[in-house]
C-alpha atoms as a PDB file:
ATOM      1  CA  MET A   1       0.000   0.000   0.000  1.00  0.00           C
ATOM      2  CA  LYS A   2       1.352   3.396  -0.993  1.00  0.00           C
ATOM      3  CA  LEU A   3       1.003   6.129   1.641  1.00  0.00           C
ATOM      4  CA  ASP A   4      -0.412   9.451   0.495  1.00  0.00           C
ATOM      5  CA  ILE A   5       1.521  11.912   2.674  1.00  0.00           C
ATOM      6  CA  LYS A   6       0.477  15.550   2.490  1.00  0.00           C
ATOM      7  CA  LYS A   7       2.419  18.508   3.842  1.00  0.00           C
ATOM      8  CA  GLY A   8       1.504  22.033   4.735  1.00  0.00           C
ATOM      9  CA  VAL A   9      -1.431  23.850   6.224  1.00  0.00           C
ATOM     10  CA  GLN A  10      -4.846  22.585   5.196  1.00  0.00           C
ATOM     11  CA  LYS A  11      -7.543  25.229   5.224  1.00  0.00           C
ATOM     12  CA  LYS A  12     -10.573  23.630   6.864  1.00  0.00           C
ATOM     13  CA  PRO A  13     -13.283  24.861   9.213  1.00  0.00           C
ATOM     14  CA  ILE A  14     -12.468  24.677  12.900  1.00  0.00           C
ATOM     15  CA  LYS A  15     -15.109  22.969  15.030  1.00  0.00           C
ATOM     16  CA  CYS A  16     -15.201  23.914  18.686  1.00  0.00           C
ATOM     17  CA  VAL A  17     -17.439  23.347  21.704  1.00  0.00           C
ATOM     18  CA  ILE A  18     -17.423  25.820  24.585  1.00  0.00           C
ATOM     19  CA  TYR A  19     -18.763  24.136  27.696  1.00  0.00           C
ATOM     20  CA  GLY A  20     -19.586  25.595  31.099  1.00  0.00           C
ATOM     21  CA  HIS A  21     -22.237  26.664  33.585  1.00  0.00           C
ATOM     22  CA  GLU A  22     -24.859  29.277  32.751  1.00  0.00           C
ATOM     23  CA  GLY A  23     -23.795  32.897  32.922  1.00  0.00           C
ATOM     24  CA  ILE A  24     -20.007  32.488  32.835  1.00  0.00           C
ATOM     25  CA  GLY A  25     -19.547  34.162  29.443  1.00  0.00           C
ATOM     26  CA  LYS A  26     -19.613  31.413  26.802  1.00  0.00           C
ATOM     27  CA  SER A  27     -21.769  33.446  24.416  1.00  0.00           C
ATOM     28  CA  THR A  28     -19.792  36.609  25.116  1.00  0.00           C
ATOM     29  CA  LEU A  29     -16.583  34.738  24.278  1.00  0.00           C
ATOM     30  CA  ALA A  30     -18.115  33.324  21.094  1.00  0.00           C
ATOM     31  CA  SER A  31     -19.314  36.798  20.070  1.00  0.00           C
ATOM     32  CA  LYS A  32     -15.674  37.913  19.798  1.00  0.00           C
ATOM     33  CA  LEU A  33     -14.887  35.378  17.061  1.00  0.00           C
ATOM     34  CA  PRO A  34     -14.493  36.747  13.507  1.00  0.00           C
ATOM     35  CA  GLY A  35     -17.595  37.118  11.310  1.00  0.00           C
ATOM     36  CA  CYS A  36     -19.789  35.669  14.046  1.00  0.00           C
ATOM     37  CA  VAL A  37     -23.505  34.917  13.559  1.00  0.00           C
ATOM     38  CA  PHE A  38     -25.661  33.187  16.188  1.00  0.00           C
ATOM     39  CA  ILE A  39     -28.444  30.682  15.796  1.00  0.00           C
ATOM     40  CA  ASP A  40     -29.828  31.583  19.205  1.00  0.00           C
ATOM     41  CA  VAL A  41     -32.007  28.540  19.834  1.00  0.00           C
ATOM     42  CA  GLU A  42     -32.320  29.315  23.545  1.00  0.00           C
ATOM     43  CA  GLU A  43     -32.829  33.086  23.094  1.00  0.00           C
ATOM     44  CA  GLY A  44     -30.057  33.798  25.570  1.00  0.00           C
ATOM     45  CA  THR A  45     -28.175  36.502  23.650  1.00  0.00           C
ATOM     46  CA  SER A  46     -30.677  39.329  23.986  1.00  0.00           C
ATOM     47  CA  GLN A  47     -28.231  41.327  26.116  1.00  0.00           C
ATOM     48  CA  LEU A  48     -25.405  40.984  23.583  1.00  0.00           C
ATOM     49  CA  ASP A  49     -24.849  43.169  20.528  1.00  0.00           C
ATOM     50  CA  VAL A  50     -24.500  40.277  18.061  1.00  0.00           C
ATOM     51  CA  ALA A  51     -25.737  39.224  14.647  1.00  0.00           C
ATOM     52  CA  ARG A  52     -28.353  36.517  15.002  1.00  0.00           C
ATOM     53  CA  LEU A  53     -30.750  34.592  12.820  1.00  0.00           C
ATOM     54  CA  PRO A  54     -34.417  34.229  13.751  1.00  0.00           C
ATOM     55  CA  THR A  55     -34.913  31.794  16.633  1.00  0.00           C
ATOM     56  CA  PRO A  56     -35.832  28.411  15.150  1.00  0.00           C
ATOM     57  CA  LYS A  57     -38.928  26.918  16.732  1.00  0.00           C
ATOM     58  CA  THR A  58     -38.629  23.504  15.039  1.00  0.00           C
ATOM     59  CA  TRP A  59     -35.863  21.137  13.966  1.00  0.00           C
ATOM     60  CA  ILE A  60     -36.759  21.782  10.324  1.00  0.00           C
ATOM     61  CA  GLU A  61     -36.354  25.550  10.823  1.00  0.00           C
ATOM     62  CA  PHE A  62     -33.011  24.927  12.538  1.00  0.00           C
ATOM     63  CA  LEU A  63     -31.757  22.734   9.670  1.00  0.00           C
ATOM     64  CA  SER A  64     -33.011  25.280   7.149  1.00  0.00           C
ATOM     65  CA  GLU A  65     -30.972  28.024   8.821  1.00  0.00           C
ATOM     66  CA  LEU A  66     -27.883  25.787   8.825  1.00  0.00           C
ATOM     67  CA  MET A  67     -28.290  25.113   5.116  1.00  0.00           C
ATOM     68  CA  GLU A  68     -28.782  28.800   4.308  1.00  0.00           C
ATOM     69  CA  VAL A  69     -25.624  29.717   6.231  1.00  0.00           C
ATOM     70  CA  ALA A  70     -23.671  26.954   4.486  1.00  0.00           C
ATOM     71  CA  LYS A  71     -24.562  28.211   1.018  1.00  0.00           C
ATOM     72  CA  SER A  72     -24.533  31.947   1.748  1.00  0.00           C
ATOM     73  CA  ASP A  73     -21.847  34.334   0.593  1.00  0.00           C
ATOM     74  CA  LEU A  74     -22.488  36.893   3.324  1.00  0.00           C
ATOM     75  CA  GLY A  75     -19.004  36.596   4.823  1.00  0.00           C
ATOM     76  CA  ILE A  76     -20.066  34.516   7.804  1.00  0.00           C
ATOM     77  CA  GLU A  77     -16.866  33.132   9.279  1.00  0.00           C
ATOM     78  CA  THR A  78     -18.175  31.761  12.575  1.00  0.00           C
ATOM     79  CA  LEU A  79     -21.513  30.116  13.239  1.00  0.00           C
ATOM     80  CA  VAL A  80     -22.506  29.847  16.894  1.00  0.00           C
ATOM     81  CA  ILE A  81     -25.287  27.449  17.899  1.00  0.00           C
ATOM     82  CA  ASP A  82     -26.471  28.709  21.264  1.00  0.00           C
ATOM     83  CA  THR A  83     -27.079  26.203  22.743  1.00  0.00           C
ATOM     84  CA  ALA A  84     -26.443  22.679  21.477  1.00  0.00           C
ATOM     85  CA  ASP A  85     -28.718  21.163  24.115  1.00  0.00           C
ATOM     86  CA  ALA A  86     -31.564  23.464  23.038  1.00  0.00           C
ATOM     87  CA  ALA A  87     -31.005  22.375  19.425  1.00  0.00           C
ATOM     88  CA  GLU A  88     -31.013  18.768  20.629  1.00  0.00           C
ATOM     89  CA  ARG A  89     -34.430  19.315  22.226  1.00  0.00           C
ATOM     90  CA  LEU A  90     -35.777  20.491  18.847  1.00  0.00           C
ATOM     91  CA  CYS A  91     -34.405  17.317  17.282  1.00  0.00           C
ATOM     92  CA  ILE A  92     -35.936  15.091  19.956  1.00  0.00           C
ATOM     93  CA  GLU A  93     -39.321  16.777  19.539  1.00  0.00           C
ATOM     94  CA  HIS A  94     -39.085  16.256  15.781  1.00  0.00           C
ATOM     95  CA  VAL A  95     -38.226  12.568  16.064  1.00  0.00           C
END
């Protein structure tokens, strides 16, 4: 078997999870990332001056917003899902 060795930096999206108790500044930290847009599933960013999409009320709305962000050319560099457990609840309700 021939090994396919690649060198150099590979430009790929960075995936990150910020975990912690409520109110310690996770969303505030995320808001400082470049080109940041929130899918504020839990509606917890009302006190932050951030760009946000409409709050999805269903799993289908959530997926639709993800797809629109993925294909947009609006310069979105960072997508924040606030919070993952709230998005999970939408999924569970859908299933």
